[in-house]
Amino acid sequence: MSALTITVPQNYGSVPSSPPLPSPSTLSLSPPPPTPLSILPPKTSLTPYNPLSYVLLSATMSSCVSYWLAMQVGRYRRIAKVPYPNAYATAQEMKDDRNKYLFNCAQRSHMSFLEHQPQLLLHLLISGLKYPTFSAAMGLLWCLGRIHYAIGYVDPQAKDGEGRRRARYVTLPQLALLGGSLVSAVGLTGLGGVVGGWVEGLVGK
């Protein structure tokens, strides 16, 4: 009968060695650098296909028209030699100098624009919340109408600024935006259903 032989590994029963500790020179007790705080808002994307972008573009176009009208007034002021701070030439000066009459027409055209622009922008933005494409189109039509209005006003062949009446349609987009802003505002308040039911009740009676 042969003897049973058992081989025991040399490291049997030994405790595995732990990894070496870092030397004191490699330890850093300083805190990590603070993460910089950003005061900028998160990045947003506004694609050209967003209908609201056209509303903003239409509103910006109205400011471009205003700057163009101001330059026209300055040009006619230099031609007519109307000194500052006079806003208009007198009636007698207009009678004696055709250039002063045209300056008054250009000035009045710009003033008319400034009288209507604040309301137009308000209605454009409120109406644009519900009807962005329609509102942007009406705003652009208003801007084009105001250019047509100004060109007709300074027409030297027209008498008493009657050339401005060629652009009488400029009131239509402004009224359309007024109606759109009313519908949009009523809808946002949640009263649309109440008003609609009230109207239906009157019609039913």
N, C-alpha and C. Protein backbone atom coordinates (compact mmCIF):
# COMPACT_ATOMS: atom_id res chain seq x y z
N MET A 1 0.87 -1.19 0.00
CA MET A 1 0.00 0.00 0.00
C MET A 1 0.90 1.23 0.00
N SER A 2 0.65 2.14 -0.98
CA SER A 2 1.49 3.34 -1.13
C SER A 2 1.06 4.42 -0.16
N ALA A 3 2.03 5.28 0.26
CA ALA A 3 1.72 6.36 1.20
C ALA A 3 1.12 7.55 0.47
N LEU A 4 0.15 8.26 1.11
CA LEU A 4 -0.49 9.45 0.56
C LEU A 4 0.37 10.67 0.85
N THR A 5 0.69 11.42 -0.20
CA THR A 5 1.55 12.61 -0.05
C THR A 5 0.72 13.86 -0.26
N ILE A 6 0.77 14.83 0.67
CA ILE A 6 0.03 16.12 0.61
C ILE A 6 1.04 17.24 0.55
N THR A 7 0.90 18.10 -0.47
CA THR A 7 1.82 19.23 -0.63
C THR A 7 1.13 20.50 -0.14
N VAL A 8 1.77 21.20 0.75
CA VAL A 8 1.21 22.44 1.32
C VAL A 8 1.95 23.63 0.72
N PRO A 9 1.22 24.63 0.17
CA PRO A 9 1.91 25.80 -0.40
C PRO A 9 2.72 26.52 0.66
N GLN A 10 3.78 27.19 0.18
CA GLN A 10 4.66 27.87 1.11
C GLN A 10 3.98 29.03 1.83
N ASN A 11 3.04 29.75 1.12
CA ASN A 11 2.38 30.91 1.74
C ASN A 11 1.08 30.54 2.42
N TYR A 12 0.89 29.25 2.68
CA TYR A 12 -0.35 28.82 3.31
C TYR A 12 -0.40 29.34 4.74
N GLY A 13 -1.53 29.99 5.07
CA GLY A 13 -1.72 30.53 6.42
C GLY A 13 -1.15 31.90 6.63
N SER A 14 -0.48 32.47 5.61
CA SER A 14 0.10 33.81 5.76
C SER A 14 -0.96 34.87 5.48
N VAL A 15 -0.87 35.99 6.12
CA VAL A 15 -1.80 37.12 5.94
C VAL A 15 -1.38 37.92 4.71
N PRO A 16 -2.31 38.14 3.77
CA PRO A 16 -1.94 38.93 2.59
C PRO A 16 -1.51 40.34 2.96
N SER A 17 -0.51 40.81 2.27
CA SER A 17 0.03 42.15 2.57
C SER A 17 -0.92 43.22 2.04
N SER A 18 -1.09 44.28 2.82
CA SER A 18 -1.95 45.41 2.41
C SER A 18 -1.17 46.32 1.48
N PRO A 19 -1.89 47.09 0.66
CA PRO A 19 -1.19 48.01 -0.24
C PRO A 19 -0.43 49.06 0.54
N PRO A 20 0.63 49.55 -0.01
CA PRO A 20 1.44 50.54 0.72
C PRO A 20 0.68 51.84 0.93
N LEU A 21 0.86 52.42 2.10
CA LEU A 21 0.23 53.69 2.41
C LEU A 21 0.98 54.82 1.72
N PRO A 22 0.24 55.86 1.32
CA PRO A 22 0.94 56.98 0.68
C PRO A 22 1.82 57.71 1.68
N SER A 23 2.90 58.21 1.20
CA SER A 23 3.82 58.94 2.06
C SER A 23 3.22 60.29 2.43
N PRO A 24 3.61 60.85 3.56
CA PRO A 24 3.06 62.16 3.96
C PRO A 24 3.27 63.25 2.92
N SER A 25 4.33 63.12 2.12
CA SER A 25 4.60 64.17 1.13
C SER A 25 3.58 64.19 0.02
N THR A 26 2.93 63.01 -0.20
CA THR A 26 1.95 62.96 -1.30
C THR A 26 0.54 63.28 -0.84
N LEU A 27 0.33 63.43 0.48
CA LEU A 27 -1.01 63.75 0.98
C LEU A 27 -1.27 65.25 0.83
N SER A 28 -2.51 65.60 0.43
CA SER A 28 -2.90 67.01 0.29
C SER A 28 -4.07 67.28 1.21
N LEU A 29 -3.87 68.18 2.14
CA LEU A 29 -4.90 68.54 3.10
C LEU A 29 -5.75 69.72 2.64
N SER A 30 -5.40 70.35 1.50
CA SER A 30 -6.16 71.51 1.03
C SER A 30 -7.48 71.03 0.42
N PRO A 31 -8.57 71.78 0.64
CA PRO A 31 -9.87 71.37 0.08
C PRO A 31 -9.86 71.50 -1.44
N PRO A 32 -10.71 70.76 -2.09
CA PRO A 32 -10.77 70.87 -3.55
C PRO A 32 -11.25 72.24 -3.97
N PRO A 33 -10.84 72.70 -5.13
CA PRO A 33 -11.26 74.04 -5.57
C PRO A 33 -12.77 74.10 -5.73
N PRO A 34 -13.38 75.22 -5.32
CA PRO A 34 -14.84 75.33 -5.43
C PRO A 34 -15.28 75.35 -6.88
N THR A 35 -16.45 74.81 -7.10
CA THR A 35 -17.02 74.82 -8.45
C THR A 35 -17.54 76.21 -8.76
N PRO A 36 -17.11 76.83 -9.85
CA PRO A 36 -17.58 78.19 -10.15
C PRO A 36 -19.08 78.21 -10.40
N LEU A 37 -19.74 79.20 -9.80
CA LEU A 37 -21.18 79.36 -9.98
C LEU A 37 -21.44 80.20 -11.22
N SER A 38 -22.38 79.79 -12.02
CA SER A 38 -22.72 80.52 -13.24
C SER A 38 -23.96 81.36 -12.99
N ILE A 39 -23.88 82.66 -13.30
CA ILE A 39 -25.03 83.55 -13.15
C ILE A 39 -25.81 83.67 -14.45
N LEU A 40 -25.34 82.98 -15.47
CA LEU A 40 -26.03 83.05 -16.75
C LEU A 40 -27.18 82.06 -16.76
N PRO A 41 -28.29 82.38 -17.44
CA PRO A 41 -29.40 81.43 -17.51
C PRO A 41 -29.01 80.24 -18.37
N PRO A 42 -29.69 79.14 -18.20
CA PRO A 42 -29.38 77.98 -19.04
C PRO A 42 -29.58 78.29 -20.50
N LYS A 43 -28.84 77.59 -21.34
CA LYS A 43 -28.92 77.85 -22.77
C LYS A 43 -30.31 77.49 -23.29
N THR A 44 -30.84 78.39 -24.08
CA THR A 44 -32.13 78.15 -24.70
C THR A 44 -31.97 78.25 -26.20
N SER A 45 -32.79 77.54 -26.88
CA SER A 45 -32.74 77.54 -28.34
C SER A 45 -34.06 78.04 -28.89
N LEU A 46 -33.99 78.94 -29.83
CA LEU A 46 -35.18 79.49 -30.50
C LEU A 46 -34.99 79.28 -31.99
N THR A 47 -35.61 78.27 -32.50
CA THR A 47 -35.42 77.93 -33.89
C THR A 47 -36.23 78.86 -34.77
N PRO A 48 -35.81 79.07 -36.02
CA PRO A 48 -36.58 79.93 -36.93
C PRO A 48 -37.97 79.42 -37.20
N TYR A 49 -38.24 78.14 -36.89
CA TYR A 49 -39.55 77.57 -37.15
C TYR A 49 -40.51 77.75 -35.99
N ASN A 50 -40.07 78.37 -34.92
CA ASN A 50 -40.95 78.68 -33.81
C ASN A 50 -41.82 79.87 -34.20
N PRO A 51 -43.15 79.72 -34.22
CA PRO A 51 -44.00 80.84 -34.64
C PRO A 51 -43.81 82.11 -33.81
N LEU A 52 -43.47 81.96 -32.53
CA LEU A 52 -43.28 83.14 -31.69
C LEU A 52 -42.09 83.98 -32.15
N SER A 53 -41.11 83.35 -32.80
CA SER A 53 -39.97 84.10 -33.29
C SER A 53 -40.39 85.10 -34.37
N TYR A 54 -41.42 84.77 -35.14
CA TYR A 54 -41.89 85.70 -36.16
C TYR A 54 -42.62 86.89 -35.53
N VAL A 55 -43.27 86.65 -34.41
CA VAL A 55 -43.90 87.77 -33.68
C VAL A 55 -42.84 88.75 -33.21
N LEU A 56 -41.75 88.22 -32.66
CA LEU A 56 -40.66 89.09 -32.20
C LEU A 56 -40.00 89.81 -33.37
N LEU A 57 -39.87 89.13 -34.49
CA LEU A 57 -39.28 89.75 -35.67
C LEU A 57 -40.17 90.88 -36.18
N SER A 58 -41.47 90.67 -36.17
CA SER A 58 -42.39 91.71 -36.61
C SER A 58 -42.32 92.93 -35.68
N ALA A 59 -42.21 92.68 -34.38
CA ALA A 59 -42.09 93.80 -33.43
C ALA A 59 -40.79 94.56 -33.65
N THR A 60 -39.72 93.85 -33.95
CA THR A 60 -38.44 94.51 -34.20
C THR A 60 -38.48 95.33 -35.48
N MET A 61 -39.21 94.85 -36.48
CA MET A 61 -39.34 95.58 -37.73
C MET A 61 -39.98 96.95 -37.52
N SER A 62 -40.90 97.05 -36.57
CA SER A 62 -41.53 98.35 -36.30
C SER A 62 -40.50 99.36 -35.81
N SER A 63 -39.52 98.91 -35.03
CA SER A 63 -38.46 99.82 -34.59
C SER A 63 -37.58 100.24 -35.77
N CYS A 64 -37.34 99.33 -36.70
CA CYS A 64 -36.55 99.68 -37.88
C CYS A 64 -37.27 100.75 -38.70
N VAL A 65 -38.60 100.62 -38.83
CA VAL A 65 -39.37 101.63 -39.56
C VAL A 65 -39.29 102.98 -38.84
N SER A 66 -39.33 102.95 -37.52
CA SER A 66 -39.24 104.20 -36.76
C SER A 66 -37.90 104.90 -37.00
N TYR A 67 -36.80 104.15 -37.02
CA TYR A 67 -35.50 104.75 -37.29
C TYR A 67 -35.45 105.31 -38.72
N TRP A 68 -36.04 104.61 -39.66
CA TRP A 68 -36.06 105.09 -41.04
C TRP A 68 -36.84 106.40 -41.14
N LEU A 69 -37.97 106.48 -40.46
CA LEU A 69 -38.76 107.71 -40.47
C LEU A 69 -37.98 108.87 -39.84
N ALA A 70 -37.25 108.59 -38.76
CA ALA A 70 -36.46 109.64 -38.12
C ALA A 70 -35.38 110.17 -39.06
N MET A 71 -34.78 109.28 -39.83
CA MET A 71 -33.77 109.72 -40.80
C MET A 71 -34.40 110.57 -41.90
N GLN A 72 -35.61 110.22 -42.31
CA GLN A 72 -36.30 111.01 -43.31
C GLN A 72 -36.60 112.41 -42.80
N VAL A 73 -37.01 112.50 -41.54
CA VAL A 73 -37.28 113.81 -40.94
C VAL A 73 -36.00 114.64 -40.90
N GLY A 74 -34.89 114.02 -40.52
CA GLY A 74 -33.62 114.75 -40.49
C GLY A 74 -33.21 115.24 -41.87
N ARG A 75 -33.44 114.42 -42.88
CA ARG A 75 -33.08 114.83 -44.25
C ARG A 75 -33.92 116.01 -44.70
N TYR A 76 -35.21 115.97 -44.47
CA TYR A 76 -36.08 117.10 -44.86
C TYR A 76 -35.80 118.34 -44.03
N ARG A 77 -35.37 118.15 -42.79
CA ARG A 77 -35.03 119.31 -41.96
C ARG A 77 -33.81 120.03 -42.53
N ARG A 78 -32.82 119.28 -42.98
CA ARG A 78 -31.62 119.91 -43.56
C ARG A 78 -31.96 120.63 -44.86
N ILE A 79 -32.83 120.02 -45.68
CA ILE A 79 -33.20 120.66 -46.94
C ILE A 79 -33.98 121.95 -46.69
N ALA A 80 -34.91 121.89 -45.74
CA ALA A 80 -35.75 123.05 -45.46
C ALA A 80 -35.06 124.08 -44.58
N LYS A 81 -33.93 123.68 -43.95
CA LYS A 81 -33.18 124.57 -43.07
C LYS A 81 -34.04 125.07 -41.91
N VAL A 82 -34.73 124.09 -41.28
CA VAL A 82 -35.51 124.40 -40.08
C VAL A 82 -34.62 124.14 -38.87
N PRO A 83 -34.27 125.14 -38.09
CA PRO A 83 -33.32 124.94 -36.99
C PRO A 83 -33.99 124.25 -35.80
N TYR A 84 -33.15 123.57 -35.02
CA TYR A 84 -33.60 123.02 -33.74
C TYR A 84 -33.74 124.17 -32.76
N PRO A 85 -34.64 124.09 -31.78
CA PRO A 85 -35.51 122.96 -31.43
C PRO A 85 -36.90 123.03 -32.06
N ASN A 86 -37.06 123.76 -33.14
CA ASN A 86 -38.38 123.88 -33.74
C ASN A 86 -38.84 122.53 -34.27
N ALA A 87 -40.00 122.07 -33.80
CA ALA A 87 -40.53 120.78 -34.26
C ALA A 87 -41.18 120.92 -35.62
N TYR A 88 -41.77 122.07 -35.91
CA TYR A 88 -42.45 122.30 -37.18
C TYR A 88 -42.14 123.71 -37.68
N ALA A 89 -42.31 123.88 -38.98
CA ALA A 89 -42.26 125.23 -39.56
C ALA A 89 -43.62 125.88 -39.39
N THR A 90 -43.64 127.20 -39.34
CA THR A 90 -44.90 127.92 -39.17
C THR A 90 -45.72 127.88 -40.46
N ALA A 91 -46.99 128.24 -40.33
CA ALA A 91 -47.88 128.23 -41.49
C ALA A 91 -47.39 129.20 -42.56
N GLN A 92 -46.87 130.34 -42.16
CA GLN A 92 -46.38 131.31 -43.13
C GLN A 92 -45.13 130.78 -43.83
N GLU A 93 -44.24 130.11 -43.06
CA GLU A 93 -43.04 129.53 -43.67
C GLU A 93 -43.39 128.44 -44.68
N MET A 94 -44.40 127.64 -44.38
CA MET A 94 -44.83 126.62 -45.33
C MET A 94 -45.38 127.25 -46.61
N LYS A 95 -46.05 128.37 -46.45
CA LYS A 95 -46.63 129.05 -47.60
C LYS A 95 -45.56 129.64 -48.50
N ASP A 96 -44.48 130.11 -47.89
CA ASP A 96 -43.42 130.75 -48.65
C ASP A 96 -42.39 129.75 -49.19
N ASP A 97 -42.25 128.58 -48.56
CA ASP A 97 -41.19 127.63 -48.93
C ASP A 97 -41.79 126.23 -49.00
N ARG A 98 -41.77 125.64 -50.19
CA ARG A 98 -42.33 124.30 -50.37
C ARG A 98 -41.55 123.26 -49.58
N ASN A 99 -40.26 123.46 -49.43
CA ASN A 99 -39.44 122.50 -48.67
C ASN A 99 -39.85 122.45 -47.20
N LYS A 100 -40.23 123.58 -46.66
CA LYS A 100 -40.69 123.60 -45.26
C LYS A 100 -42.03 122.88 -45.12
N TYR A 101 -42.85 122.97 -46.14
CA TYR A 101 -44.11 122.23 -46.12
C TYR A 101 -43.84 120.72 -46.11
N LEU A 102 -42.91 120.27 -46.96
CA LEU A 102 -42.58 118.85 -47.01
C LEU A 102 -41.94 118.38 -45.70
N PHE A 103 -41.17 119.27 -45.07
CA PHE A 103 -40.59 118.91 -43.77
C PHE A 103 -41.70 118.67 -42.75
N ASN A 104 -42.70 119.54 -42.73
CA ASN A 104 -43.81 119.35 -41.81
C ASN A 104 -44.55 118.04 -42.08
N CYS A 105 -44.68 117.69 -43.35
CA CYS A 105 -45.35 116.43 -43.69
C CYS A 105 -44.55 115.24 -43.18
N ALA A 106 -43.23 115.27 -43.37
CA ALA A 106 -42.39 114.17 -42.89
C ALA A 106 -42.43 114.09 -41.36
N GLN A 107 -42.40 115.23 -40.71
CA GLN A 107 -42.44 115.26 -39.26
C GLN A 107 -43.77 114.70 -38.74
N ARG A 108 -44.86 115.12 -39.39
CA ARG A 108 -46.18 114.65 -38.95
C ARG A 108 -46.33 113.15 -39.19
N SER A 109 -45.75 112.64 -40.27
CA SER A 109 -45.80 111.20 -40.54
C SER A 109 -45.09 110.41 -39.44
N HIS A 110 -43.95 110.92 -39.01
CA HIS A 110 -43.22 110.23 -37.95
C HIS A 110 -43.97 110.31 -36.63
N MET A 111 -44.55 111.46 -36.33
CA MET A 111 -45.30 111.60 -35.09
C MET A 111 -46.52 110.69 -35.06
N SER A 112 -47.18 110.56 -36.20
CA SER A 112 -48.33 109.65 -36.28
C SER A 112 -47.90 108.22 -36.01
N PHE A 113 -46.75 107.84 -36.53
CA PHE A 113 -46.22 106.49 -36.28
C PHE A 113 -45.98 106.29 -34.78
N LEU A 114 -45.35 107.26 -34.13
CA LEU A 114 -45.04 107.14 -32.71
C LEU A 114 -46.29 107.12 -31.85
N GLU A 115 -47.36 107.74 -32.32
CA GLU A 115 -48.61 107.73 -31.57
C GLU A 115 -49.25 106.34 -31.55
N HIS A 116 -49.07 105.59 -32.62
CA HIS A 116 -49.75 104.29 -32.75
C HIS A 116 -48.86 103.11 -32.40
N GLN A 117 -47.55 103.27 -32.44
CA GLN A 117 -46.65 102.12 -32.24
C GLN A 117 -46.80 101.45 -30.87
N PRO A 118 -46.90 102.21 -29.75
CA PRO A 118 -47.02 101.51 -28.45
C PRO A 118 -48.22 100.58 -28.38
N GLN A 119 -49.37 101.05 -28.86
CA GLN A 119 -50.56 100.20 -28.84
C GLN A 119 -50.38 99.00 -29.77
N LEU A 120 -49.78 99.25 -30.93
CA LEU A 120 -49.57 98.17 -31.89
C LEU A 120 -48.70 97.07 -31.28
N LEU A 121 -47.62 97.44 -30.62
CA LEU A 121 -46.73 96.45 -30.02
C LEU A 121 -47.43 95.67 -28.91
N LEU A 122 -48.21 96.36 -28.11
CA LEU A 122 -48.94 95.68 -27.03
C LEU A 122 -49.91 94.65 -27.60
N HIS A 123 -50.69 95.06 -28.58
CA HIS A 123 -51.66 94.14 -29.19
C HIS A 123 -50.95 93.01 -29.94
N LEU A 124 -49.83 93.32 -30.56
CA LEU A 124 -49.09 92.31 -31.31
C LEU A 124 -48.60 91.20 -30.39
N LEU A 125 -48.03 91.56 -29.24
CA LEU A 125 -47.48 90.56 -28.34
C LEU A 125 -48.57 89.75 -27.64
N ILE A 126 -49.67 90.41 -27.25
CA ILE A 126 -50.75 89.68 -26.58
C ILE A 126 -51.46 88.75 -27.57
N SER A 127 -51.76 89.26 -28.73
CA SER A 127 -52.40 88.43 -29.75
C SER A 127 -51.48 87.30 -30.19
N GLY A 128 -50.18 87.56 -30.21
CA GLY A 128 -49.23 86.54 -30.63
C GLY A 128 -49.15 85.35 -29.71
N LEU A 129 -49.61 85.49 -28.47
CA LEU A 129 -49.60 84.35 -27.55
C LEU A 129 -50.54 83.24 -28.04
N LYS A 130 -51.62 83.62 -28.70
CA LYS A 130 -52.61 82.64 -29.16
C LYS A 130 -52.57 82.45 -30.67
N TYR A 131 -52.29 83.54 -31.38
CA TYR A 131 -52.28 83.49 -32.84
C TYR A 131 -50.94 84.05 -33.36
N PRO A 132 -49.84 83.33 -33.17
CA PRO A 132 -48.52 83.89 -33.51
C PRO A 132 -48.34 84.18 -34.99
N THR A 133 -48.74 83.26 -35.86
CA THR A 133 -48.52 83.46 -37.30
C THR A 133 -49.39 84.61 -37.83
N PHE A 134 -50.64 84.61 -37.45
CA PHE A 134 -51.55 85.69 -37.87
C PHE A 134 -51.07 87.04 -37.36
N SER A 135 -50.66 87.10 -36.10
CA SER A 135 -50.23 88.36 -35.50
C SER A 135 -48.96 88.88 -36.17
N ALA A 136 -48.02 87.98 -36.45
CA ALA A 136 -46.79 88.39 -37.11
C ALA A 136 -47.09 88.95 -38.50
N ALA A 137 -48.00 88.33 -39.22
CA ALA A 137 -48.36 88.82 -40.55
C ALA A 137 -49.02 90.19 -40.47
N MET A 138 -49.90 90.38 -39.49
CA MET A 138 -50.56 91.68 -39.34
C MET A 138 -49.55 92.76 -38.93
N GLY A 139 -48.60 92.40 -38.10
CA GLY A 139 -47.58 93.37 -37.71
C GLY A 139 -46.71 93.78 -38.89
N LEU A 140 -46.35 92.82 -39.73
CA LEU A 140 -45.56 93.14 -40.91
C LEU A 140 -46.35 94.00 -41.89
N LEU A 141 -47.64 93.69 -42.06
CA LEU A 141 -48.48 94.50 -42.94
C LEU A 141 -48.59 95.93 -42.42
N TRP A 142 -48.66 96.08 -41.11
CA TRP A 142 -48.73 97.42 -40.53
C TRP A 142 -47.45 98.20 -40.80
N CYS A 143 -46.30 97.54 -40.67
CA CYS A 143 -45.02 98.21 -40.94
C CYS A 143 -44.93 98.66 -42.40
N LEU A 144 -45.33 97.79 -43.31
CA LEU A 144 -45.32 98.17 -44.73
C LEU A 144 -46.30 99.30 -45.00
N GLY A 145 -47.45 99.24 -44.35
CA GLY A 145 -48.42 100.32 -44.52
C GLY A 145 -47.91 101.65 -44.01
N ARG A 146 -47.14 101.61 -42.93
CA ARG A 146 -46.59 102.86 -42.39
C ARG A 146 -45.53 103.45 -43.32
N ILE A 147 -44.78 102.61 -43.99
CA ILE A 147 -43.83 103.12 -44.98
C ILE A 147 -44.58 103.75 -46.15
N HIS A 148 -45.61 103.07 -46.61
CA HIS A 148 -46.44 103.61 -47.69
C HIS A 148 -47.08 104.92 -47.28
N TYR A 149 -47.53 104.98 -46.04
CA TYR A 149 -48.15 106.20 -45.49
C TYR A 149 -47.17 107.37 -45.52
N ALA A 150 -45.94 107.11 -45.10
CA ALA A 150 -44.93 108.18 -45.04
C ALA A 150 -44.54 108.65 -46.43
N ILE A 151 -44.39 107.72 -47.37
CA ILE A 151 -44.02 108.11 -48.73
C ILE A 151 -45.13 108.94 -49.37
N GLY A 152 -46.37 108.54 -49.15
CA GLY A 152 -47.48 109.31 -49.70
C GLY A 152 -47.62 110.68 -49.07
N TYR A 153 -47.27 110.79 -47.79
CA TYR A 153 -47.42 112.07 -47.08
C TYR A 153 -46.49 113.13 -47.66
N VAL A 154 -45.31 112.75 -48.08
CA VAL A 154 -44.35 113.74 -48.59
C VAL A 154 -44.37 113.82 -50.11
N ASP A 155 -45.40 113.31 -50.74
CA ASP A 155 -45.52 113.41 -52.19
C ASP A 155 -45.69 114.88 -52.57
N PRO A 156 -44.76 115.46 -53.32
CA PRO A 156 -44.88 116.89 -53.65
C PRO A 156 -46.05 117.20 -54.58
N GLN A 157 -46.57 116.19 -55.25
CA GLN A 157 -47.70 116.41 -56.15
C GLN A 157 -49.04 116.43 -55.41
N ALA A 158 -49.06 115.88 -54.20
CA ALA A 158 -50.30 115.83 -53.43
C ALA A 158 -50.48 117.12 -52.64
N LYS A 159 -51.72 117.52 -52.49
CA LYS A 159 -52.03 118.77 -51.80
C LYS A 159 -52.43 118.47 -50.36
N ASP A 160 -51.88 119.28 -49.45
CA ASP A 160 -52.22 119.17 -48.02
C ASP A 160 -51.99 117.76 -47.47
N GLY A 161 -50.96 117.09 -47.94
CA GLY A 161 -50.62 115.78 -47.42
C GLY A 161 -51.63 114.69 -47.74
N GLU A 162 -52.45 114.90 -48.77
CA GLU A 162 -53.48 113.93 -49.10
C GLU A 162 -52.90 112.61 -49.58
N GLY A 163 -51.63 112.60 -49.96
CA GLY A 163 -51.02 111.36 -50.42
C GLY A 163 -51.00 110.27 -49.36
N ARG A 164 -51.13 110.67 -48.10
CA ARG A 164 -51.11 109.68 -47.02
C ARG A 164 -52.33 108.77 -47.06
N ARG A 165 -53.41 109.24 -47.69
CA ARG A 165 -54.65 108.46 -47.72
C ARG A 165 -54.53 107.21 -48.61
N ARG A 166 -53.47 107.13 -49.38
CA ARG A 166 -53.26 105.91 -50.17
C ARG A 166 -53.01 104.71 -49.27
N ALA A 167 -52.56 104.97 -48.07
CA ALA A 167 -52.26 103.88 -47.13
C ALA A 167 -53.32 103.83 -46.02
N ARG A 168 -54.56 104.15 -46.36
CA ARG A 168 -55.61 104.12 -45.35
C ARG A 168 -55.86 102.70 -44.82
N TYR A 169 -55.42 101.70 -45.56
CA TYR A 169 -55.58 100.32 -45.12
C TYR A 169 -54.74 99.99 -43.89
N VAL A 170 -53.83 100.89 -43.51
CA VAL A 170 -52.94 100.61 -42.39
C VAL A 170 -53.71 100.44 -41.09
N THR A 171 -54.95 100.94 -41.05
CA THR A 171 -55.77 100.79 -39.84
C THR A 171 -56.26 99.36 -39.66
N LEU A 172 -56.43 98.63 -40.76
CA LEU A 172 -57.01 97.28 -40.69
C LEU A 172 -56.15 96.31 -39.88
N PRO A 173 -54.84 96.18 -40.13
CA PRO A 173 -54.06 95.26 -39.30
C PRO A 173 -54.01 95.67 -37.84
N GLN A 174 -54.07 96.96 -37.56
CA GLN A 174 -54.06 97.40 -36.18
C GLN A 174 -55.34 96.98 -35.46
N LEU A 175 -56.49 97.12 -36.16
CA LEU A 175 -57.76 96.68 -35.56
C LEU A 175 -57.81 95.16 -35.43
N ALA A 176 -57.22 94.46 -36.41
CA ALA A 176 -57.19 92.99 -36.33
C ALA A 176 -56.38 92.52 -35.12
N LEU A 177 -55.27 93.19 -34.84
CA LEU A 177 -54.46 92.83 -33.67
C LEU A 177 -55.17 93.20 -32.37
N LEU A 178 -55.94 94.26 -32.40
CA LEU A 178 -56.73 94.61 -31.22
C LEU A 178 -57.73 93.50 -30.91
N GLY A 179 -58.42 93.02 -31.96
CA GLY A 179 -59.36 91.92 -31.74
C GLY A 179 -58.66 90.65 -31.30
N GLY A 180 -57.51 90.35 -31.90
CA GLY A 180 -56.78 89.16 -31.51
C GLY A 180 -56.29 89.22 -30.08
N SER A 181 -55.87 90.41 -29.63
CA SER A 181 -55.40 90.54 -28.25
C SER A 181 -56.55 90.38 -27.25
N LEU A 182 -57.75 90.86 -27.63
CA LEU A 182 -58.91 90.69 -26.74
C LEU A 182 -59.26 89.21 -26.58
N VAL A 183 -59.30 88.49 -27.70
CA VAL A 183 -59.61 87.06 -27.64
C VAL A 183 -58.54 86.31 -26.86
N SER A 184 -57.28 86.65 -27.10
CA SER A 184 -56.19 85.97 -26.41
C SER A 184 -56.23 86.25 -24.92
N ALA A 185 -56.49 87.49 -24.54
CA ALA A 185 -56.51 87.84 -23.12
C ALA A 185 -57.68 87.19 -22.41
N VAL A 186 -58.84 87.17 -23.03
CA VAL A 186 -60.01 86.53 -22.42
C VAL A 186 -59.76 85.04 -22.26
N GLY A 187 -59.14 84.43 -23.27
CA GLY A 187 -58.84 83.00 -23.18
C GLY A 187 -57.88 82.68 -22.05
N LEU A 188 -56.89 83.54 -21.81
CA LEU A 188 -55.92 83.30 -20.75
C LEU A 188 -56.53 83.45 -19.36
N THR A 189 -57.57 84.27 -19.23
CA THR A 189 -58.22 84.44 -17.93
C THR A 189 -59.15 83.30 -17.60
N GLY A 190 -59.46 82.46 -18.59
CA GLY A 190 -60.38 81.35 -18.35
C GLY A 190 -61.83 81.74 -18.43
N LEU A 191 -62.11 82.97 -18.85
CA LEU A 191 -63.49 83.44 -18.95
C LEU A 191 -64.11 83.15 -20.31
N GLY A 192 -63.32 82.53 -21.20
CA GLY A 192 -63.83 82.29 -22.54
C GLY A 192 -65.09 81.45 -22.53
N GLY A 193 -65.10 80.38 -21.71
CA GLY A 193 -66.29 79.54 -21.66
C GLY A 193 -67.48 80.25 -21.06
N VAL A 194 -67.23 81.10 -20.05
CA VAL A 194 -68.32 81.84 -19.42
C VAL A 194 -68.94 82.82 -20.40
N VAL A 195 -68.06 83.58 -21.10
CA VAL A 195 -68.56 84.56 -22.06
C VAL A 195 -69.28 83.85 -23.21
N GLY A 196 -68.70 82.73 -23.68
CA GLY A 196 -69.34 81.99 -24.76
C GLY A 196 -70.70 81.47 -24.37
N GLY A 197 -70.85 80.95 -23.15
CA GLY A 197 -72.15 80.47 -22.69
C GLY A 197 -73.15 81.59 -22.54
N TRP A 198 -72.67 82.75 -22.10
CA TRP A 198 -73.55 83.90 -21.95
C TRP A 198 -74.09 84.36 -23.30
N VAL A 199 -73.20 84.37 -24.32
CA VAL A 199 -73.62 84.77 -25.66
C VAL A 199 -74.59 83.75 -26.23
N GLU A 200 -74.31 82.46 -26.03
CA GLU A 200 -75.22 81.45 -26.54
C GLU A 200 -76.58 81.53 -25.87
N GLY A 201 -76.60 81.89 -24.59
CA GLY A 201 -77.87 82.05 -23.89
C GLY A 201 -78.69 83.20 -24.46
N LEU A 202 -78.00 84.32 -24.80
CA LEU A 202 -78.72 85.44 -25.39
C LEU A 202 -79.26 85.09 -26.76
N VAL A 203 -78.46 84.41 -27.55
CA VAL A 203 -78.88 84.03 -28.90
C VAL A 203 -80.05 83.02 -28.82
N GLY A 204 -79.99 82.12 -27.84
CA GLY A 204 -81.06 81.13 -27.71
C GLY A 204 -82.38 81.76 -27.33
N LYS A 205 -82.30 82.81 -26.54
CA LYS A 205 -83.52 83.51 -26.19
C LYS A 205 -84.09 84.30 -27.36
